[in-house]
N, C-alpha and C. Protein backbone atom coordinates (compact mmCIF):
# COMPACT_ATOMS: atom_id res chain seq x y z
N UNK A 1 -0.79 -13.30 -3.21
CA UNK A 1 -1.60 -13.59 -3.92
C UNK A 1 -1.20 -12.86 -5.63
N UNK A 2 -1.38 -12.14 -5.56
CA UNK A 2 -0.12 -11.44 -6.85
C UNK A 2 0.23 -10.30 -6.14
N UNK A 3 1.54 -9.78 -6.68
CA UNK A 3 1.82 -10.45 -7.29
C UNK A 3 2.38 -11.73 -7.06
N UNK A 4 2.65 -12.85 -8.02
CA UNK A 4 3.34 -13.76 -7.75
C UNK A 4 5.01 -13.73 -6.95
N UNK A 5 4.93 -14.15 -6.22
CA UNK A 5 5.97 -14.52 -5.55
C UNK A 5 6.99 -15.65 -5.41
N UNK A 6 8.37 -15.23 -6.29
CA UNK A 6 8.75 -16.89 -6.33
C UNK A 6 9.11 -17.79 -5.21
N UNK A 7 9.10 -17.26 -4.41
CA UNK A 7 8.79 -17.73 -3.04
C UNK A 7 7.57 -18.48 -2.54
N UNK A 8 6.81 -18.34 -3.02
CA UNK A 8 5.06 -18.90 -2.58
C UNK A 8 4.77 -19.98 -3.73
N UNK A 9 5.68 -20.65 -4.59
CA UNK A 9 5.30 -21.03 -5.86
C UNK A 9 4.57 -22.08 -5.51
N UNK A 10 5.04 -23.00 -4.13
CA UNK A 10 4.06 -24.41 -3.89
C UNK A 10 3.15 -24.37 -2.74
N UNK A 11 3.00 -22.85 -2.34
CA UNK A 11 2.25 -22.75 -1.12
C UNK A 11 0.51 -22.39 -1.54
N UNK A 12 -0.24 -22.80 -0.77
CA UNK A 12 -2.02 -23.03 -1.46
C UNK A 12 -2.23 -22.26 -0.43
N UNK A 13 -3.23 -21.24 -1.34
CA UNK A 13 -4.38 -19.97 -0.80
C UNK A 13 -5.10 -21.01 -0.28
N UNK A 14 -5.89 -21.15 1.06
CA UNK A 14 -6.77 -21.70 1.46
C UNK A 14 -7.94 -20.65 1.50
N UNK A 15 -8.55 -20.96 0.93
CA UNK A 15 -10.23 -20.05 0.65
C UNK A 15 -10.89 -20.46 1.66
N UNK A 16 -10.90 -21.91 2.15
CA UNK A 16 -12.04 -22.32 3.21
C UNK A 16 -11.41 -21.77 4.61
N UNK A 17 -10.63 -21.01 4.89
CA UNK A 17 -10.38 -20.35 6.31
C UNK A 17 -10.86 -19.12 6.16
N UNK A 18 -11.71 -19.05 6.95
CA UNK A 18 -12.49 -18.00 6.89
C UNK A 18 -12.23 -16.72 7.75
N UNK A 19 -10.92 -16.73 8.05
CA UNK A 19 -10.04 -15.29 8.53
C UNK A 19 -9.39 -14.99 7.11
N UNK A 20 -9.06 -15.19 6.51
CA UNK A 20 -8.59 -15.05 5.17
C UNK A 20 -9.80 -14.57 4.42
N UNK A 21 -10.90 -15.13 4.35
CA UNK A 21 -12.24 -14.54 3.60
C UNK A 21 -12.50 -13.21 4.27
N UNK A 22 -12.44 -12.95 5.42
CA UNK A 22 -12.91 -12.25 6.53
C UNK A 22 -11.73 -10.75 5.99
N UNK A 23 -10.55 -11.16 6.38
CA UNK A 23 -9.74 -9.84 6.50
C UNK A 23 -9.73 -9.22 4.92
N UNK A 24 -9.81 -10.26 3.60
CA UNK A 24 -9.97 -9.88 2.24
C UNK A 24 -11.20 -8.74 2.21
N UNK A 25 -12.57 -9.26 2.94
CA UNK A 25 -13.38 -8.25 2.49
C UNK A 25 -13.26 -6.77 3.56
N UNK A 26 -12.99 -7.00 4.41
CA UNK A 26 -12.18 -5.93 5.14
C UNK A 26 -10.70 -5.04 4.15
N UNK A 27 -10.11 -5.45 4.06
CA UNK A 27 -9.21 -4.63 2.43
C UNK A 27 -10.25 -4.44 1.31
N UNK A 28 -11.37 -4.95 1.02
CA UNK A 28 -11.56 -4.63 -0.16
C UNK A 28 -12.37 -3.22 0.39
N UNK A 29 -13.33 -3.71 1.29
CA UNK A 29 -14.01 -2.32 1.83
C UNK A 29 -13.19 -0.70 2.70
N UNK A 30 -12.54 -1.00 2.82
CA UNK A 30 -11.15 -0.34 2.85
C UNK A 30 -11.20 0.72 1.32
N UNK A 31 -10.73 0.01 0.87
CA UNK A 31 -9.95 -0.02 -0.78
C UNK A 31 -11.54 1.03 -1.60
N UNK A 32 -12.68 0.30 -1.12
CA UNK A 32 -13.52 1.11 -1.68
C UNK A 32 -13.72 2.56 -0.35
N UNK A 33 -13.58 2.84 0.15
CA UNK A 33 -13.72 3.88 0.74
C UNK A 33 -13.01 5.15 0.59
N UNK A 34 -11.47 4.91 0.65
CA UNK A 34 -10.55 5.28 -0.38
C UNK A 34 -10.62 5.92 -1.45
N UNK A 35 -11.26 5.13 -2.49
CA UNK A 35 -11.29 4.87 -4.02
C UNK A 35 -12.39 5.30 -4.30
N UNK A 36 -12.99 5.31 -3.68
CA UNK A 36 -14.62 6.16 -3.90
C UNK A 36 -15.29 4.93 -4.83
N UNK A 37 -16.82 4.49 -5.50
CA UNK A 37 -17.52 4.29 -6.20
C UNK A 37 -17.32 4.20 -7.91
N UNK A 38 -16.20 3.67 -8.09
CA UNK A 38 -15.72 3.46 -9.71
C UNK A 38 -16.62 2.26 -10.06
N UNK A 39 -17.55 2.96 -11.14
CA UNK A 39 -18.01 1.57 -11.76
C UNK A 39 -17.14 0.24 -12.48
N UNK A 40 -16.00 0.60 -12.74
CA UNK A 40 -15.19 -0.51 -12.88
C UNK A 40 -14.65 -1.15 -12.23
N UNK A 41 -14.22 -0.18 -10.87
CA UNK A 41 -14.03 -0.98 -9.75
C UNK A 41 -15.01 -1.91 -9.00
N UNK A 42 -16.07 -1.07 -9.09
CA UNK A 42 -17.17 -2.07 -8.45
C UNK A 42 -17.35 -3.13 -9.31
N UNK A 43 -17.46 -3.21 -10.25
CA UNK A 43 -17.78 -5.01 -11.19
C UNK A 43 -16.79 -5.59 -11.40
N UNK A 44 -15.31 -5.48 -10.65
CA UNK A 44 -13.98 -6.29 -10.49
C UNK A 44 -14.47 -6.21 -9.18
N UNK A 45 -14.59 -6.01 -8.12
CA UNK A 45 -14.54 -5.75 -6.65
C UNK A 45 -16.16 -7.58 -6.76
N UNK A 46 -16.81 -6.92 -7.04
CA UNK A 46 -18.35 -8.03 -7.30
C UNK A 46 -17.68 -9.27 -8.02
N UNK A 47 -16.77 -9.28 -8.79
CA UNK A 47 -16.48 -10.36 -9.75
C UNK A 47 -15.89 -11.79 -9.07
N UNK A 48 -14.93 -10.76 -8.14
CA UNK A 48 -13.98 -11.40 -7.64
C UNK A 48 -14.23 -11.69 -6.04
N UNK A 49 -15.32 -10.93 -5.68
CA UNK A 49 -15.83 -11.47 -4.39
C UNK A 49 -16.93 -13.02 -4.43
N UNK A 50 -17.33 -12.56 -5.75
CA UNK A 50 -18.62 -13.73 -5.82
C UNK A 50 -17.63 -14.87 -6.00
N UNK A 51 -16.45 -14.54 -7.11
CA UNK A 51 -15.27 -15.85 -7.27
C UNK A 51 -15.14 -16.66 -6.03
N UNK A 52 -14.26 -15.46 -4.73
CA UNK A 52 -14.02 -16.27 -3.63
C UNK A 52 -14.65 -16.41 -3.08
N UNK A 53 -16.13 -16.34 -2.46
CA UNK A 53 -17.04 -17.07 -2.26
C UNK A 53 -17.23 -18.11 -2.48
N UNK A 54 -17.37 -18.54 -3.40
CA UNK A 54 -17.21 -20.03 -4.44
C UNK A 54 -16.74 -21.01 -3.59
N UNK A 55 -15.07 -20.36 -3.84
CA UNK A 55 -13.98 -21.21 -3.58
C UNK A 55 -14.12 -20.95 -2.00
N UNK A 56 -14.58 -20.39 -1.65
CA UNK A 56 -14.79 -20.30 0.20
C UNK A 56 -15.90 -21.82 0.26
N UNK A 57 -16.80 -21.85 -0.24
CA UNK A 57 -18.18 -22.53 0.01
C UNK A 57 -17.28 -23.99 -0.39
N UNK A 58 -16.59 -24.07 -1.65
CA UNK A 58 -16.25 -25.44 -2.12
C UNK A 58 -14.80 -25.45 -1.04
N UNK A 59 -14.37 -24.99 -0.24
CA UNK A 59 -13.12 -24.72 0.92
C UNK A 59 -11.90 -25.73 -0.12
N UNK A 60 -11.61 -24.88 -0.93
CA UNK A 60 -10.59 -25.11 -2.12
C UNK A 60 -9.04 -24.15 -1.44
N UNK A 61 -8.35 -25.12 -1.94
CA UNK A 61 -6.59 -24.78 -1.53
C UNK A 61 -6.04 -24.55 -3.03
N UNK A 62 -5.79 -23.87 -3.88
CA UNK A 62 -4.99 -23.12 -4.65
C UNK A 62 -3.70 -22.71 -4.79
N UNK A 63 -2.71 -23.45 -5.60
CA UNK A 63 -1.56 -22.61 -5.68
C UNK A 63 -1.52 -21.29 -6.40
N UNK A 64 -2.27 -19.99 -5.91
CA UNK A 64 -2.75 -19.25 -6.77
C UNK A 64 -1.24 -18.32 -7.15
N UNK A 65 0.13 -18.28 -6.88
CA UNK A 65 1.11 -17.70 -6.82
C UNK A 65 1.53 -18.41 -9.25
N UNK A 66 1.29 -20.03 -8.47
CA UNK A 66 2.24 -20.73 -9.95
C UNK A 66 0.91 -20.70 -10.87
N UNK A 67 -0.43 -20.17 -10.81
CA UNK A 67 -1.32 -19.86 -11.88
C UNK A 67 -0.77 -18.89 -12.39
N UNK A 68 -0.81 -17.48 -12.16
CA UNK A 68 -0.74 -16.67 -11.88
C UNK A 68 0.72 -16.33 -13.18
N UNK A 69 1.48 -17.25 -12.24
CA UNK A 69 2.95 -17.05 -13.00
C UNK A 69 2.96 -17.39 -14.25
N UNK A 70 1.93 -18.54 -14.86
CA UNK A 70 2.01 -19.03 -16.11
C UNK A 70 1.10 -18.36 -16.86
N UNK A 71 0.32 -17.07 -16.26
CA UNK A 71 -0.67 -16.60 -17.54
C UNK A 71 0.47 -15.43 -17.72
N UNK A 72 1.28 -15.16 -17.18
CA UNK A 72 2.24 -13.62 -17.12
C UNK A 72 3.06 -13.62 -17.67
N UNK A 73 3.48 -15.38 -17.85
CA UNK A 73 4.93 -15.47 -18.31
C UNK A 73 3.97 -15.75 -19.77
N UNK A 74 2.76 -16.10 -20.64
CA UNK A 74 2.17 -15.98 -21.84
C UNK A 74 1.42 -14.91 -21.84
N UNK A 75 1.54 -13.71 -21.19
CA UNK A 75 1.69 -12.50 -22.09
C UNK A 75 2.17 -11.97 -22.63
């Protein structure tokens, strides 16, 4: 998803896929173990976790690379 890969322009990220969400949470747990609990990191991880959980409940399919590229280009 980030950084956006030009080859992934049209690829949809399927947040409804339970395996995707499970892998994402495993990676975040691993990151938390290795980086410790910095307050800023904890806030970002909770915010992203809530967003991803909501997208999972909606079974959303989103072209995330296209969205990120759009906002990086404007920055």
